[in-house]
Amino acid sequence: MEPILLLFYRVIDIYFYILIVNIVLSWLVAFNVVNMQNRFVATMLYATNRLTDPLLNPIRRVLPNLGGIDISPIVLVLGLLFIQDYIRFNLYI
């Protein structure tokens, strides 16, 4: 059981970094720092959106509308950190 939990722990780690990349890219696009006409930026944003939206969309449906401020990534990060701490406590990493 320990190898499966350790694998799950590492997958959460990787997903956390993908979520951070998605957040930073969306901010850079929103403030016109990077151009969406750049194929690399568009591909990276598309890929990270496809990977993070399945977990962010249910959170967005539950959270109230805060007038353009999306706090669903914060809730997801806190949830992922909670799961990692639970795994770490059970595995004594």
Protein backbone atom coordinates (compact mmCIF):
# COMPACT_ATOMS: atom_id res chain seq x y z
CA MET A 1 0.00 0.00 0.00
CA GLU A 2 2.89 2.36 0.68
CA PRO A 3 4.15 2.49 -2.93
CA ILE A 4 0.69 3.42 -4.18
CA LEU A 5 0.36 6.20 -1.61
CA LEU A 6 3.85 7.44 -2.43
CA LEU A 7 2.97 7.48 -6.15
CA PHE A 8 -0.23 9.37 -5.38
CA TYR A 9 1.80 11.83 -3.29
CA ARG A 10 4.16 12.49 -6.22
CA VAL A 11 1.27 12.86 -8.69
CA ILE A 12 -0.25 15.52 -6.43
CA ASP A 13 3.16 17.25 -6.39
CA ILE A 14 3.28 17.35 -10.19
CA TYR A 15 -0.35 18.48 -10.42
CA PHE A 16 0.40 21.29 -7.96
CA TYR A 17 3.12 22.64 -10.28
CA ILE A 18 0.83 22.35 -13.31
CA LEU A 19 -1.77 24.36 -11.40
CA ILE A 20 0.81 27.05 -10.55
CA VAL A 21 1.84 27.28 -14.23
CA ASN A 22 -1.83 27.65 -15.20
CA ILE A 23 -2.39 30.43 -12.67
CA VAL A 24 0.71 32.37 -13.69
CA LEU A 25 0.00 32.02 -17.42
CA SER A 26 -3.60 33.15 -17.01
CA TRP A 27 -2.41 36.23 -15.10
CA LEU A 28 0.21 37.02 -17.75
CA VAL A 29 -2.41 36.75 -20.49
CA ALA A 30 -4.92 38.84 -18.52
CA PHE A 31 -2.40 41.66 -18.00
CA ASN A 32 -1.16 41.50 -21.63
CA VAL A 33 2.36 40.53 -20.65
CA VAL A 34 2.36 37.60 -23.07
CA ASN A 35 0.58 37.43 -26.38
CA MET A 36 -1.94 34.68 -27.05
CA GLN A 37 -0.90 34.81 -30.72
CA ASN A 38 2.33 33.12 -29.65
CA ARG A 39 1.78 29.44 -30.41
CA PHE A 40 3.81 28.19 -27.44
CA VAL A 41 1.87 30.32 -24.95
CA ALA A 42 -1.46 29.29 -26.45
CA THR A 43 -0.49 25.61 -26.37
CA MET A 44 0.74 25.80 -22.77
CA LEU A 45 -2.39 27.60 -21.60
CA TYR A 46 -4.63 25.14 -23.46
CA ALA A 47 -2.80 22.13 -22.00
CA THR A 48 -2.82 23.44 -18.44
CA ASN A 49 -6.49 24.41 -18.71
CA ARG A 50 -7.35 20.91 -19.93
CA LEU A 51 -5.48 19.39 -16.99
CA THR A 52 -6.75 21.69 -14.24
CA ASP A 53 -10.35 22.46 -15.28
CA PRO A 54 -11.78 19.03 -14.31
CA LEU A 55 -10.95 19.75 -10.67
CA LEU A 56 -11.50 23.51 -10.73
CA ASN A 57 -14.95 23.54 -12.37
CA PRO A 58 -16.79 21.72 -9.52
CA ILE A 59 -15.20 24.10 -7.04
CA ARG A 60 -16.24 27.09 -9.16
CA ARG A 61 -19.85 25.86 -9.17
CA VAL A 62 -19.93 25.72 -5.37
CA LEU A 63 -18.15 29.00 -4.59
CA PRO A 64 -20.13 32.24 -4.74
CA ASN A 65 -19.45 34.81 -7.46
CA LEU A 66 -16.91 37.32 -6.16
CA GLY A 67 -17.09 39.73 -9.07
CA GLY A 68 -14.30 38.52 -11.33
CA ILE A 69 -12.01 37.11 -8.65
CA ASP A 70 -11.50 33.38 -9.00
CA ILE A 71 -10.46 31.80 -5.72
CA SER A 72 -11.04 28.22 -6.84
CA PRO A 73 -7.29 27.59 -7.39
CA ILE A 74 -6.65 28.61 -3.78
CA VAL A 75 -9.27 26.17 -2.56
CA LEU A 76 -7.79 23.42 -4.76
CA VAL A 77 -4.24 24.13 -3.54
CA LEU A 78 -5.41 23.93 0.08
CA GLY A 79 -7.21 20.66 -0.66
CA LEU A 80 -4.14 19.19 -2.36
CA LEU A 81 -1.91 20.23 0.53
CA PHE A 82 -4.35 18.68 2.98
CA ILE A 83 -4.30 15.38 1.06
CA GLN A 84 -0.50 15.45 0.93
CA ASP A 85 -0.25 16.08 4.66
CA TYR A 86 -2.65 13.20 5.30
CA ILE A 87 -0.53 10.89 3.15
CA ARG A 88 2.68 12.12 4.76
CA PHE A 89 1.23 11.50 8.23
CA ASN A 90 0.20 7.96 7.30
CA LEU A 91 3.52 7.12 5.60
CA TYR A 92 5.81 8.99 8.02
CA ILE A 93 7.72 10.57 5.13
